[in-house]
Amino acid sequence: MTASTPTTESVGEFEPRHIGPRDADRAHMLSVLGYSDLDALTDAAVPDVVKATHELTLPPAATENEVQTELRDLAQRNVVRIPMLGMGYYPCHTPAVIRRNVLENPAWYTAYTPYQ
């Protein structure tokens, strides 16, 4: 069994839900593209100059609980400081026309046009 083929026992685990397609999905993709396996697809798509020449030495995958614990511990190391963003701004009355047409206008803060 690979990490991408969940069994009834592993459906709730982290890896099968987040890492890669299932075997049936992979086989369908390869048949549509006309390749026998992932190595053949990789050889056709990735230039030799960018391929790794050695095996990766990675630690074993962590469980979802282990990842959450590690992230929680990391977050607890943050030090809360005095925010300096917006210093020099004083409360003032902003007319509704300015608020709506400048500050709340999506054209000022998104690159998307209305038809997209």
PDB file of N, CA and C in Angstrom:
ATOM      1  N   MET A   1       0.847  -1.192   0.000  1.00  0.00           N
ATOM      2  CA  MET A   1       0.000   0.000   0.000  1.00  0.00           C
ATOM      3  C   MET A   1       0.883   1.241   0.000  1.00  0.00           C
ATOM      4  N   THR A   2       0.544   2.210  -0.827  1.00  0.00           N
ATOM      5  CA  THR A   2       1.284   3.469  -0.864  1.00  0.00           C
ATOM      6  C   THR A   2       0.515   4.511  -0.069  1.00  0.00           C
ATOM      7  N   ALA A   3       1.168   5.637   0.176  1.00  0.00           N
ATOM      8  CA  ALA A   3       0.531   6.710   0.943  1.00  0.00           C
ATOM      9  C   ALA A   3      -0.674   7.288   0.213  1.00  0.00           C
ATOM     10  N   SER A   4      -0.743   7.095  -1.094  1.00  0.00           N
ATOM     11  CA  SER A   4      -1.841   7.697  -1.853  1.00  0.00           C
ATOM     12  C   SER A   4      -3.005   6.745  -2.081  1.00  0.00           C
ATOM     13  N   THR A   5      -2.958   5.558  -1.489  1.00  0.00           N
ATOM     14  CA  THR A   5      -4.077   4.627  -1.622  1.00  0.00           C
ATOM     15  C   THR A   5      -4.645   4.343  -0.245  1.00  0.00           C
ATOM     16  N   PRO A   6      -5.609   5.132   0.197  1.00  0.00           N
ATOM     17  CA  PRO A   6      -6.143   4.956   1.538  1.00  0.00           C
ATOM     18  C   PRO A   6      -6.965   3.681   1.671  1.00  0.00           C
ATOM     19  N   THR A   7      -6.868   3.078   2.823  1.00  0.00           N
ATOM     20  CA  THR A   7      -7.697   1.921   3.145  1.00  0.00           C
ATOM     21  C   THR A   7      -8.771   2.387   4.107  1.00  0.00           C
ATOM     22  N   THR A   8      -9.676   1.491   4.438  1.00  0.00           N
ATOM     23  CA  THR A   8     -10.744   1.837   5.367  1.00  0.00           C
ATOM     24  C   THR A   8     -10.160   2.308   6.694  1.00  0.00           C
ATOM     25  N   GLU A   9      -9.053   1.704   7.118  1.00  0.00           N
ATOM     26  CA  GLU A   9      -8.450   2.064   8.396  1.00  0.00           C
ATOM     27  C   GLU A   9      -7.762   3.426   8.346  1.00  0.00           C
ATOM     28  N   SER A  10      -7.289   3.856   7.160  1.00  0.00           N
ATOM     29  CA  SER A  10      -6.470   5.063   7.094  1.00  0.00           C
ATOM     30  C   SER A  10      -7.197   6.280   6.518  1.00  0.00           C
ATOM     31  N   VAL A  11      -8.493   6.172   6.255  1.00  0.00           N
ATOM     32  CA  VAL A  11      -9.211   7.284   5.622  1.00  0.00           C
ATOM     33  C   VAL A  11      -9.120   8.554   6.444  1.00  0.00           C
ATOM     34  N   GLY A  12      -9.122   8.455   7.766  1.00  0.00           N
ATOM     35  CA  GLY A  12      -9.062   9.639   8.601  1.00  0.00           C
ATOM     36  C   GLY A  12      -7.666  10.168   8.812  1.00  0.00           C
ATOM     37  N   GLU A  13      -6.654   9.510   8.267  1.00  0.00           N
ATOM     38  CA  GLU A  13      -5.280   9.949   8.475  1.00  0.00           C
ATOM     39  C   GLU A  13      -4.927  11.122   7.566  1.00  0.00           C
ATOM     40  N   PHE A  14      -3.896  11.813   7.932  1.00  0.00           N
ATOM     41  CA  PHE A  14      -3.481  13.039   7.255  1.00  0.00           C
ATOM     42  C   PHE A  14      -2.938  12.782   5.848  1.00  0.00           C
ATOM     43  N   GLU A  15      -1.998  11.874   5.725  1.00  0.00           N
ATOM     44  CA  GLU A  15      -1.312  11.645   4.449  1.00  0.00           C
ATOM     45  C   GLU A  15      -2.242  11.344   3.278  1.00  0.00           C
ATOM     46  N   PRO A  16      -3.123  10.343   3.390  1.00  0.00           N
ATOM     47  CA  PRO A  16      -3.954  10.004   2.233  1.00  0.00           C
ATOM     48  C   PRO A  16      -4.862  11.141   1.786  1.00  0.00           C
ATOM     49  N   ARG A  17      -5.214  12.025   2.695  1.00  0.00           N
ATOM     50  CA  ARG A  17      -6.098  13.129   2.335  1.00  0.00           C
ATOM     51  C   ARG A  17      -5.364  14.271   1.664  1.00  0.00           C
ATOM     52  N   HIS A  18      -4.052  14.337   1.765  1.00  0.00           N
ATOM     53  CA  HIS A  18      -3.332  15.516   1.298  1.00  0.00           C
ATOM     54  C   HIS A  18      -2.194  15.247   0.320  1.00  0.00           C
ATOM     55  N   ILE A  19      -1.782  14.018   0.176  1.00  0.00           N
ATOM     56  CA  ILE A  19      -0.586  13.762  -0.622  1.00  0.00           C
ATOM     57  C   ILE A  19      -0.918  12.913  -1.847  1.00  0.00           C
ATOM     58  N   GLY A  20      -0.921  13.548  -2.984  1.00  0.00           N
ATOM     59  CA  GLY A  20      -0.972  12.869  -4.264  1.00  0.00           C
ATOM     60  C   GLY A  20      -2.278  12.208  -4.649  1.00  0.00           C
ATOM     61  N   PRO A  21      -2.389  11.841  -5.928  1.00  0.00           N
ATOM     62  CA  PRO A  21      -3.583  11.161  -6.431  1.00  0.00           C
ATOM     63  C   PRO A  21      -3.574   9.679  -6.051  1.00  0.00           C
ATOM     64  N   ARG A  22      -4.731   9.064  -6.108  1.00  0.00           N
ATOM     65  CA  ARG A  22      -4.845   7.627  -5.845  1.00  0.00           C
ATOM     66  C   ARG A  22      -4.341   6.852  -7.064  1.00  0.00           C
ATOM     67  N   ASP A  23      -4.082   5.563  -6.885  1.00  0.00           N
ATOM     68  CA  ASP A  23      -3.541   4.743  -7.973  1.00  0.00           C
ATOM     69  C   ASP A  23      -4.436   4.762  -9.211  1.00  0.00           C
ATOM     70  N   ALA A  24      -5.752   4.670  -9.018  1.00  0.00           N
ATOM     71  CA  ALA A  24      -6.676   4.664 -10.160  1.00  0.00           C
ATOM     72  C   ALA A  24      -6.629   6.006 -10.901  1.00  0.00           C
ATOM     73  N   ASP A  25      -6.543   7.107 -10.155  1.00  0.00           N
ATOM     74  CA  ASP A  25      -6.438   8.435 -10.770  1.00  0.00           C
ATOM     75  C   ASP A  25      -5.140   8.563 -11.563  1.00  0.00           C
ATOM     76  N   ARG A  26      -4.072   8.065 -10.993  1.00  0.00           N
ATOM     77  CA  ARG A  26      -2.759   8.127 -11.644  1.00  0.00           C
ATOM     78  C   ARG A  26      -2.775   7.297 -12.927  1.00  0.00           C
ATOM     79  N   ALA A  27      -3.350   6.081 -12.870  1.00  0.00           N
ATOM     80  CA  ALA A  27      -3.406   5.212 -14.047  1.00  0.00           C
ATOM     81  C   ALA A  27      -4.231   5.860 -15.156  1.00  0.00           C
ATOM     82  N   HIS A  28      -5.352   6.487 -14.804  1.00  0.00           N
ATOM     83  CA  HIS A  28      -6.187   7.155 -15.798  1.00  0.00           C
ATOM     84  C   HIS A  28      -5.428   8.309 -16.441  1.00  0.00           C
ATOM     85  N   MET A  29      -4.755   9.121 -15.634  1.00  0.00           N
ATOM     86  CA  MET A  29      -3.991  10.247 -16.151  1.00  0.00           C
ATOM     87  C   MET A  29      -2.921   9.763 -17.131  1.00  0.00           C
ATOM     88  N   LEU A  30      -2.186   8.713 -16.751  1.00  0.00           N
ATOM     89  CA  LEU A  30      -1.119   8.205 -17.608  1.00  0.00           C
ATOM     90  C   LEU A  30      -1.669   7.643 -18.916  1.00  0.00           C
ATOM     91  N   SER A  31      -2.820   6.963 -18.855  1.00  0.00           N
ATOM     92  CA  SER A  31      -3.386   6.405 -20.084  1.00  0.00           C
ATOM     93  C   SER A  31      -3.863   7.511 -21.022  1.00  0.00           C
ATOM     94  N   VAL A  32      -4.446   8.573 -20.467  1.00  0.00           N
ATOM     95  CA  VAL A  32      -4.885   9.701 -21.295  1.00  0.00           C
ATOM     96  C   VAL A  32      -3.682  10.379 -21.946  1.00  0.00           C
ATOM     97  N   LEU A  33      -2.591  10.514 -21.199  1.00  0.00           N
ATOM     98  CA  LEU A  33      -1.399  11.179 -21.725  1.00  0.00           C
ATOM     99  C   LEU A  33      -0.544  10.270 -22.606  1.00  0.00           C
ATOM    100  N   GLY A  34      -0.776   8.956 -22.504  1.00  0.00           N
ATOM    101  CA  GLY A  34      -0.042   8.020 -23.347  1.00  0.00           C
ATOM    102  C   GLY A  34       1.300   7.577 -22.801  1.00  0.00           C
ATOM    103  N   TYR A  35       1.444   7.542 -21.476  1.00  0.00           N
ATOM    104  CA  TYR A  35       2.694   7.089 -20.861  1.00  0.00           C
ATOM    105  C   TYR A  35       2.428   5.851 -20.024  1.00  0.00           C
ATOM    106  N   SER A  36       3.450   4.982 -19.940  1.00  0.00           N
ATOM    107  CA  SER A  36       3.281   3.717 -19.214  1.00  0.00           C
ATOM    108  C   SER A  36       3.393   3.880 -17.706  1.00  0.00           C
ATOM    109  N   ASP A  37       4.201   4.821 -17.262  1.00  0.00           N
ATOM    110  CA  ASP A  37       4.365   5.044 -15.825  1.00  0.00           C
ATOM    111  C   ASP A  37       4.843   6.475 -15.579  1.00  0.00           C
ATOM    112  N   LEU A  38       4.944   6.839 -14.297  1.00  0.00           N
ATOM    113  CA  LEU A  38       5.344   8.204 -13.949  1.00  0.00           C
ATOM    114  C   LEU A  38       6.776   8.517 -14.372  1.00  0.00           C
ATOM    115  N   ASP A  39       7.644   7.506 -14.372  1.00  0.00           N
ATOM    116  CA  ASP A  39       9.023   7.745 -14.802  1.00  0.00           C
ATOM    117  C   ASP A  39       9.081   8.147 -16.273  1.00  0.00           C
ATOM    118  N   ALA A  40       8.266   7.496 -17.114  1.00  0.00           N
ATOM    119  CA  ALA A  40       8.229   7.840 -18.536  1.00  0.00           C
ATOM    120  C   ALA A  40       7.689   9.252 -18.732  1.00  0.00           C
ATOM    121  N   LEU A  41       6.645   9.605 -17.976  1.00  0.00           N
ATOM    122  CA  LEU A  41       6.093  10.961 -18.051  1.00  0.00           C
ATOM    123  C   LEU A  41       7.129  11.988 -17.604  1.00  0.00           C
ATOM    124  N   THR A  42       7.818  11.698 -16.513  1.00  0.00           N
ATOM    125  CA  THR A  42       8.840  12.608 -15.996  1.00  0.00           C
ATOM    126  C   THR A  42       9.980  12.778 -16.994  1.00  0.00           C
ATOM    127  N   ASP A  43      10.423  11.667 -17.601  1.00  0.00           N
ATOM    128  CA  ASP A  43      11.502  11.750 -18.595  1.00  0.00           C
ATOM    129  C   ASP A  43      11.107  12.629 -19.770  1.00  0.00           C
ATOM    130  N   ALA A  44       9.833  12.563 -20.164  1.00  0.00           N
ATOM    131  CA  ALA A  44       9.374  13.364 -21.305  1.00  0.00           C
ATOM    132  C   ALA A  44       9.171  14.829 -20.932  1.00  0.00           C
ATOM    133  N   ALA A  45       8.810  15.110 -19.685  1.00  0.00           N
ATOM    134  CA  ALA A  45       8.421  16.472 -19.309  1.00  0.00           C
ATOM    135  C   ALA A  45       9.519  17.288 -18.633  1.00  0.00           C
ATOM    136  N   VAL A  46      10.440  16.640 -17.955  1.00  0.00           N
ATOM    137  CA  VAL A  46      11.437  17.361 -17.162  1.00  0.00           C
ATOM    138  C   VAL A  46      12.817  17.227 -17.811  1.00  0.00           C
ATOM    139  N   PRO A  47      13.446  18.334 -18.138  1.00  0.00           N
ATOM    140  CA  PRO A  47      14.794  18.273 -18.733  1.00  0.00           C
ATOM    141  C   PRO A  47      15.795  17.663 -17.748  1.00  0.00           C
ATOM    142  N   ASP A  48      16.747  16.919 -18.291  1.00  0.00           N
ATOM    143  CA  ASP A  48      17.756  16.264 -17.441  1.00  0.00           C
ATOM    144  C   ASP A  48      18.516  17.247 -16.566  1.00  0.00           C
ATOM    145  N   VAL A  49      18.713  18.473 -17.046  1.00  0.00           N
ATOM    146  CA  VAL A  49      19.507  19.452 -16.315  1.00  0.00           C
ATOM    147  C   VAL A  49      18.872  19.837 -14.977  1.00  0.00           C
ATOM    148  N   VAL A  50      17.552  19.684 -14.824  1.00  0.00           N
ATOM    149  CA  VAL A  50      16.911  20.053 -13.562  1.00  0.00           C
ATOM    150  C   VAL A  50      16.551  18.849 -12.696  1.00  0.00           C
ATOM    151  N   LYS A  51      16.793  17.642 -13.171  1.00  0.00           N
ATOM    152  CA  LYS A  51      16.481  16.448 -12.380  1.00  0.00           C
ATOM    153  C   LYS A  51      17.524  16.250 -11.286  1.00  0.00           C
ATOM    154  N   ALA A  52      17.051  15.794 -10.122  1.00  0.00           N
ATOM    155  CA  ALA A  52      17.965  15.484  -9.023  1.00  0.00           C
ATOM    156  C   ALA A  52      18.771  14.239  -9.393  1.00  0.00           C
ATOM    157  N   THR A  53      20.011  14.217  -8.984  1.00  0.00           N
ATOM    158  CA  THR A  53      20.869  13.071  -9.317  1.00  0.00           C
ATOM    159  C   THR A  53      21.073  12.139  -8.131  1.00  0.00           C
ATOM    160  N   HIS A  54      20.449  12.464  -6.998  1.00  0.00           N
ATOM    161  CA  HIS A  54      20.608  11.628  -5.819  1.00  0.00           C
ATOM    162  C   HIS A  54      19.248  11.422  -5.145  1.00  0.00           C
ATOM    163  N   GLU A  55      19.160  10.387  -4.339  1.00  0.00           N
ATOM    164  CA  GLU A  55      17.925  10.104  -3.614  1.00  0.00           C
ATOM    165  C   GLU A  55      17.757  11.121  -2.481  1.00  0.00           C
ATOM    166  N   LEU A  56      16.520  11.509  -2.240  1.00  0.00           N
ATOM    167  CA  LEU A  56      16.239  12.406  -1.124  1.00  0.00           C
ATOM    168  C   LEU A  56      16.252  11.609   0.179  1.00  0.00           C
ATOM    169  N   THR A  57      16.810  12.180   1.199  1.00  0.00           N
ATOM    170  CA  THR A  57      16.779  11.553   2.515  1.00  0.00           C
ATOM    171  C   THR A  57      15.838  12.373   3.386  1.00  0.00           C
ATOM    172  N   LEU A  58      14.606  11.925   3.452  1.00  0.00           N
ATOM    173  CA  LEU A  58      13.576  12.642   4.192  1.00  0.00           C
ATOM    174  C   LEU A  58      13.201  11.879   5.454  1.00  0.00           C
ATOM    175  N   PRO A  59      12.820  12.587   6.498  1.00  0.00           N
ATOM    176  CA  PRO A  59      12.359  11.902   7.707  1.00  0.00           C
ATOM    177  C   PRO A  59      10.996  11.261   7.433  1.00  0.00           C
ATOM    178  N   PRO A  60      10.588  10.321   8.264  1.00  0.00           N
ATOM    179  CA  PRO A  60       9.266   9.724   8.068  1.00  0.00           C
ATOM    180  C   PRO A  60       8.172  10.781   8.231  1.00  0.00           C
ATOM    181  N   ALA A  61       7.057  10.556   7.569  1.00  0.00           N
ATOM    182  CA  ALA A  61       5.947  11.515   7.614  1.00  0.00           C
ATOM    183  C   ALA A  61       5.396  11.611   9.032  1.00  0.00           C
ATOM    184  N   ALA A  62       5.022  12.815   9.423  1.00  0.00           N
ATOM    185  CA  ALA A  62       4.420  13.050  10.738  1.00  0.00           C
ATOM    186  C   ALA A  62       2.911  12.862  10.638  1.00  0.00           C
ATOM    187  N   THR A  63       2.297  12.521  11.747  1.00  0.00           N
ATOM    188  CA  THR A  63       0.842  12.420  11.777  1.00  0.00           C
ATOM    189  C   THR A  63       0.249  13.821  11.864  1.00  0.00           C
ATOM    190  N   GLU A  64      -1.044  13.928  11.632  1.00  0.00           N
ATOM    191  CA  GLU A  64      -1.693  15.228  11.700  1.00  0.00           C
ATOM    192  C   GLU A  64      -1.576  15.808  13.107  1.00  0.00           C
ATOM    193  N   ASN A  65      -1.738  14.977  14.127  1.00  0.00           N
ATOM    194  CA  ASN A  65      -1.610  15.461  15.511  1.00  0.00           C
ATOM    195  C   ASN A  65      -0.196  15.952  15.798  1.00  0.00           C
ATOM    196  N   GLU A  66       0.804  15.260  15.285  1.00  0.00           N
ATOM    197  CA  GLU A  66       2.188  15.685  15.490  1.00  0.00           C
ATOM    198  C   GLU A  66       2.452  17.041  14.815  1.00  0.00           C
ATOM    199  N   VAL A  67       1.910  17.216  13.620  1.00  0.00           N
ATOM    200  CA  VAL A  67       2.079  18.488  12.907  1.00  0.00           C
ATOM    201  C   VAL A  67       1.392  19.614  13.661  1.00  0.00           C
ATOM    202  N   GLN A  68       0.170  19.362  14.134  1.00  0.00           N
ATOM    203  CA  GLN A  68      -0.549  20.393  14.882  1.00  0.00           C
ATOM    204  C   GLN A  68       0.197  20.772  16.158  1.00  0.00           C
ATOM    205  N   THR A  69       0.732  19.790  16.855  1.00  0.00           N
ATOM    206  CA  THR A  69       1.490  20.054  18.077  1.00  0.00           C
ATOM    207  C   THR A  69       2.737  20.872  17.766  1.00  0.00           C
ATOM    208  N   GLU A  70       3.435  20.511  16.702  1.00  0.00           N
ATOM    209  CA  GLU A  70       4.642  21.245  16.324  1.00  0.00           C
ATOM    210  C   GLU A  70       4.312  22.695  15.948  1.00  0.00           C
ATOM    211  N   LEU A  71       3.245  22.892  15.185  1.00  0.00           N
ATOM    212  CA  LEU A  71       2.849  24.254  14.801  1.00  0.00           C
ATOM    213  C   LEU A  71       2.392  25.064  16.008  1.00  0.00           C
ATOM    214  N   ARG A  72       1.671  24.423  16.942  1.00  0.00           N
ATOM    215  CA  ARG A  72       1.231  25.119  18.152  1.00  0.00           C
ATOM    216  C   ARG A  72       2.440  25.551  18.988  1.00  0.00           C
ATOM    217  N   ASP A  73       3.418  24.648  19.132  1.00  0.00           N
ATOM    218  CA  ASP A  73       4.635  24.983  19.879  1.00  0.00           C
ATOM    219  C   ASP A  73       5.399  26.126  19.200  1.00  0.00           C
ATOM    220  N   LEU A  74       5.464  26.077  17.881  1.00  0.00           N
ATOM    221  CA  LEU A  74       6.140  27.137  17.137  1.00  0.00           C
ATOM    222  C   LEU A  74       5.420  28.472  17.328  1.00  0.00           C
ATOM    223  N   ALA A  75       4.093  28.459  17.266  1.00  0.00           N
ATOM    224  CA  ALA A  75       3.313  29.693  17.427  1.00  0.00           C
ATOM    225  C   ALA A  75       3.478  30.274  18.828  1.00  0.00           C
ATOM    226  N   GLN A  76       3.660  29.430  19.826  1.00  0.00           N
ATOM    227  CA  GLN A  76       3.811  29.921  21.197  1.00  0.00           C
ATOM    228  C   GLN A  76       5.142  30.645  21.412  1.00  0.00           C
ATOM    229  N   ARG A  77       6.064  30.475  20.476  1.00  0.00           N
ATOM    230  CA  ARG A  77       7.343  31.176  20.583  1.00  0.00           C
ATOM    231  C   ARG A  77       7.256  32.611  20.070  1.00  0.00           C
ATOM    232  N   ASN A  78       6.134  32.966  19.425  1.00  0.00           N
ATOM    233  CA  ASN A  78       5.952  34.338  18.953  1.00  0.00           C
ATOM    234  C   ASN A  78       5.931  35.291  20.140  1.00  0.00           C
ATOM    235  N   VAL A  79       6.494  36.451  19.945  1.00  0.00           N
ATOM    236  CA  VAL A  79       6.502  37.479  20.972  1.00  0.00           C
ATOM    237  C   VAL A  79       5.590  38.615  20.503  1.00  0.00           C
ATOM    238  N   VAL A  80       4.589  38.930  21.302  1.00  0.00           N
ATOM    239  CA  VAL A  80       3.663  39.998  20.943  1.00  0.00           C
ATOM    240  C   VAL A  80       4.333  41.334  21.242  1.00  0.00           C
ATOM    241  N   ARG A  81       4.381  42.194  20.258  1.00  0.00           N
ATOM    242  CA  ARG A  81       5.007  43.505  20.386  1.00  0.00           C
ATOM    243  C   ARG A  81       3.958  44.580  20.140  1.00  0.00           C
ATOM    244  N   ILE A  82       4.341  45.808  20.332  1.00  0.00           N
ATOM    245  CA  ILE A  82       3.449  46.931  20.071  1.00  0.00           C
ATOM    246  C   ILE A  82       3.360  47.116  18.558  1.00  0.00           C
ATOM    247  N   PRO A  83       2.150  47.058  17.995  1.00  0.00           N
ATOM    248  CA  PRO A  83       2.040  47.242  16.547  1.00  0.00           C
ATOM    249  C   PRO A  83       2.343  48.688  16.157  1.00  0.00           C
ATOM    250  N   MET A  84       3.129  48.855  15.130  1.00  0.00           N
ATOM    251  CA  MET A  84       3.500  50.193  14.675  1.00  0.00           C
ATOM    252  C   MET A  84       2.782  50.553  13.375  1.00  0.00           C
ATOM    253  N   LEU A  85       2.036  49.624  12.812  1.00  0.00           N
ATOM    254  CA  LEU A  85       1.314  49.871  11.575  1.00  0.00           C
ATOM    255  C   LEU A  85       0.251  50.931  11.793  1.00  0.00           C
ATOM    256  N   GLY A  86       0.218  51.909  10.957  1.00  0.00           N
ATOM    257  CA  GLY A  86      -0.788  52.952  11.048  1.00  0.00           C
ATOM    258  C   GLY A  86      -0.454  54.043  12.042  1.00  0.00           C
ATOM    259  N   MET A  87       0.741  54.044  12.578  1.00  0.00           N
ATOM    260  CA  MET A  87       1.104  55.112  13.509  1.00  0.00           C
ATOM    261  C   MET A  87       1.094  56.426  12.752  1.00  0.00           C
ATOM    262  N   GLY A  88       0.568  57.442  13.361  1.00  0.00           N
ATOM    263  CA  GLY A  88       0.444  58.726  12.698  1.00  0.00           C
ATOM    264  C   GLY A  88      -0.945  58.937  12.142  1.00  0.00           C
ATOM    265  N   TYR A  89      -1.773  57.907  12.164  1.00  0.00           N
ATOM    266  CA  TYR A  89      -3.155  58.041  11.705  1.00  0.00           C
ATOM    267  C   TYR A  89      -4.003  58.494  12.888  1.00  0.00           C
ATOM    268  N   TYR A  90      -4.811  59.488  12.697  1.00  0.00           N
ATOM    269  CA  TYR A  90      -5.667  59.971  13.759  1.00  0.00           C
ATOM    270  C   TYR A  90      -7.118  59.800  13.338  1.00  0.00           C
ATOM    271  N   PRO A  91      -7.979  59.456  14.284  1.00  0.00           N
ATOM    272  CA  PRO A  91      -9.385  59.294  13.927  1.00  0.00           C
ATOM    273  C   PRO A  91      -9.922  60.573  13.296  1.00  0.00           C
ATOM    274  N   CYS A  92     -10.605  60.420  12.213  1.00  0.00           N
ATOM    275  CA  CYS A  92     -11.181  61.569  11.536  1.00  0.00           C
ATOM    276  C   CYS A  92     -12.435  61.123  10.800  1.00  0.00           C
ATOM    277  N   HIS A  93     -13.224  62.062  10.413  1.00  0.00           N
ATOM    278  CA  HIS A  93     -14.433  61.761   9.659  1.00  0.00           C
ATOM    279  C   HIS A  93     -14.065  61.597   8.193  1.00  0.00           C
ATOM    280  N   THR A  94     -14.409  60.436   7.620  1.00  0.00           N
ATOM    281  CA  THR A  94     -14.199  60.211   6.198  1.00  0.00           C
ATOM    282  C   THR A  94     -15.560  60.234   5.524  1.00  0.00           C
ATOM    283  N   PRO A  95     -15.792  61.152   4.636  1.00  0.00           N
ATOM    284  CA  PRO A  95     -17.091  61.221   3.970  1.00  0.00           C
ATOM    285  C   PRO A  95     -17.438  59.902   3.274  1.00  0.00           C
ATOM    286  N   ALA A  96     -18.731  59.586   3.279  1.00  0.00           N
ATOM    287  CA  ALA A  96     -19.193  58.318   2.702  1.00  0.00           C
ATOM    288  C   ALA A  96     -18.772  58.159   1.251  1.00  0.00           C
ATOM    289  N   VAL A  97     -18.798  59.212   0.480  1.00  0.00           N
ATOM    290  CA  VAL A  97     -18.433  59.119  -0.928  1.00  0.00           C
ATOM    291  C   VAL A  97     -16.967  58.704  -1.085  1.00  0.00           C
ATOM    292  N   ILE A  98     -16.095  59.182  -0.214  1.00  0.00           N
ATOM    293  CA  ILE A  98     -14.679  58.786  -0.252  1.00  0.00           C
ATOM    294  C   ILE A  98     -14.533  57.348   0.227  1.00  0.00           C
ATOM    295  N   ARG A  99     -15.198  57.047   1.323  1.00  0.00           N
ATOM    296  CA  ARG A  99     -15.137  55.698   1.877  1.00  0.00           C
ATOM    297  C   ARG A  99     -15.564  54.669   0.829  1.00  0.00           C
ATOM    298  N   ARG A 100     -16.686  54.892   0.161  1.00  0.00           N
ATOM    299  CA  ARG A 100     -17.212  53.918  -0.797  1.00  0.00           C
ATOM    300  C   ARG A 100     -16.416  53.888  -2.095  1.00  0.00           C
ATOM    301  N   ASN A 101     -16.095  55.046  -2.634  1.00  0.00           N
ATOM    302  CA  ASN A 101     -15.481  55.089  -3.959  1.00  0.00           C
ATOM    303  C   ASN A 101     -13.965  54.953  -3.955  1.00  0.00           C
ATOM    304  N   VAL A 102     -13.340  55.090  -2.814  1.00  0.00           N
ATOM    305  CA  VAL A 102     -11.888  54.934  -2.741  1.00  0.00           C
ATOM    306  C   VAL A 102     -11.517  53.774  -1.833  1.00  0.00           C
ATOM    307  N   LEU A 103     -11.872  53.864  -0.560  1.00  0.00           N
ATOM    308  CA  LEU A 103     -11.432  52.866   0.410  1.00  0.00           C
ATOM    309  C   LEU A 103     -12.114  51.510   0.249  1.00  0.00           C
ATOM    310  N   GLU A 104     -13.389  51.496  -0.130  1.00  0.00           N
ATOM    311  CA  GLU A 104     -14.120  50.243  -0.243  1.00  0.00           C
ATOM    312  C   GLU A 104     -14.270  49.768  -1.681  1.00  0.00           C
ATOM    313  N   ASN A 105     -13.685  50.453  -2.616  1.00  0.00           N
ATOM    314  CA  ASN A 105     -13.815  50.110  -4.025  1.00  0.00           C
ATOM    315  C   ASN A 105     -12.851  48.964  -4.352  1.00  0.00           C
ATOM    316  N   PRO A 106     -13.363  47.799  -4.772  1.00  0.00           N
ATOM    317  CA  PRO A 106     -12.493  46.658  -5.064  1.00  0.00           C
ATOM    318  C   PRO A 106     -11.457  46.944  -6.145  1.00  0.00           C
ATOM    319  N   ALA A 107     -11.718  47.906  -7.002  1.00  0.00           N
ATOM    320  CA  ALA A 107     -10.747  48.217  -8.056  1.00  0.00           C
ATOM    321  C   ALA A 107      -9.422  48.684  -7.474  1.00  0.00           C
ATOM    322  N   TRP A 108      -9.420  49.177  -6.238  1.00  0.00           N
ATOM    323  CA  TRP A 108      -8.195  49.654  -5.603  1.00  0.00           C
ATOM    324  C   TRP A 108      -7.397  48.535  -4.955  1.00  0.00           C
ATOM    325  N   TYR A 109      -8.033  47.405  -4.663  1.00  0.00           N
ATOM    326  CA  TYR A 109      -7.291  46.366  -3.940  1.00  0.00           C
ATOM    327  C   TYR A 109      -7.341  45.000  -4.606  1.00  0.00           C
ATOM    328  N   THR A 110      -7.833  44.887  -5.830  1.00  0.00           N
ATOM    329  CA  THR A 110      -7.795  43.621  -6.542  1.00  0.00           C
ATOM    330  C   THR A 110      -7.436  43.869  -7.993  1.00  0.00           C
ATOM    331  N   ALA A 111      -6.796  42.898  -8.580  1.00  0.00           N
ATOM    332  CA  ALA A 111      -6.392  43.027  -9.986  1.00  0.00           C
ATOM    333  C   ALA A 111      -7.502  42.535 -10.913  1.00  0.00           C
ATOM    334  N   TYR A 112      -8.553  41.940 -10.377  1.00  0.00           N
ATOM    335  CA  TYR A 112      -9.594  41.364 -11.218  1.00  0.00           C
ATOM    336  C   TYR A 112     -10.574  42.430 -11.697  1.00  0.00           C
ATOM    337  N   THR A 113     -10.977  42.284 -12.921  1.00  0.00           N
ATOM    338  CA  THR A 113     -11.993  43.173 -13.479  1.00  0.00           C
ATOM    339  C   THR A 113     -13.357  42.537 -13.259  1.00  0.00           C
ATOM    340  N   PRO A 114     -14.436  43.308 -13.301  1.00  0.00           N
ATOM    341  CA  PRO A 114     -15.757  42.776 -12.986  1.00  0.00           C
ATOM    342  C   PRO A 114     -16.169  41.550 -13.786  1.00  0.00           C
ATOM    343  N   TYR A 115     -15.785  41.468 -15.042  1.00  0.00           N
ATOM    344  CA  TYR A 115     -16.217  40.334 -15.866  1.00  0.00           C
ATOM    345  C   TYR A 115     -15.471  39.045 -15.541  1.00  0.00           C
ATOM    346  N   GLN A 116     -14.405  39.117 -14.752  1.00  0.00           N
ATOM    347  CA  GLN A 116     -13.680  37.902 -14.383  1.00  0.00           C
ATOM    348  C   GLN A 116     -14.329  37.306 -13.167  1.00  0.00           C
TER     349      GLN A 116
END
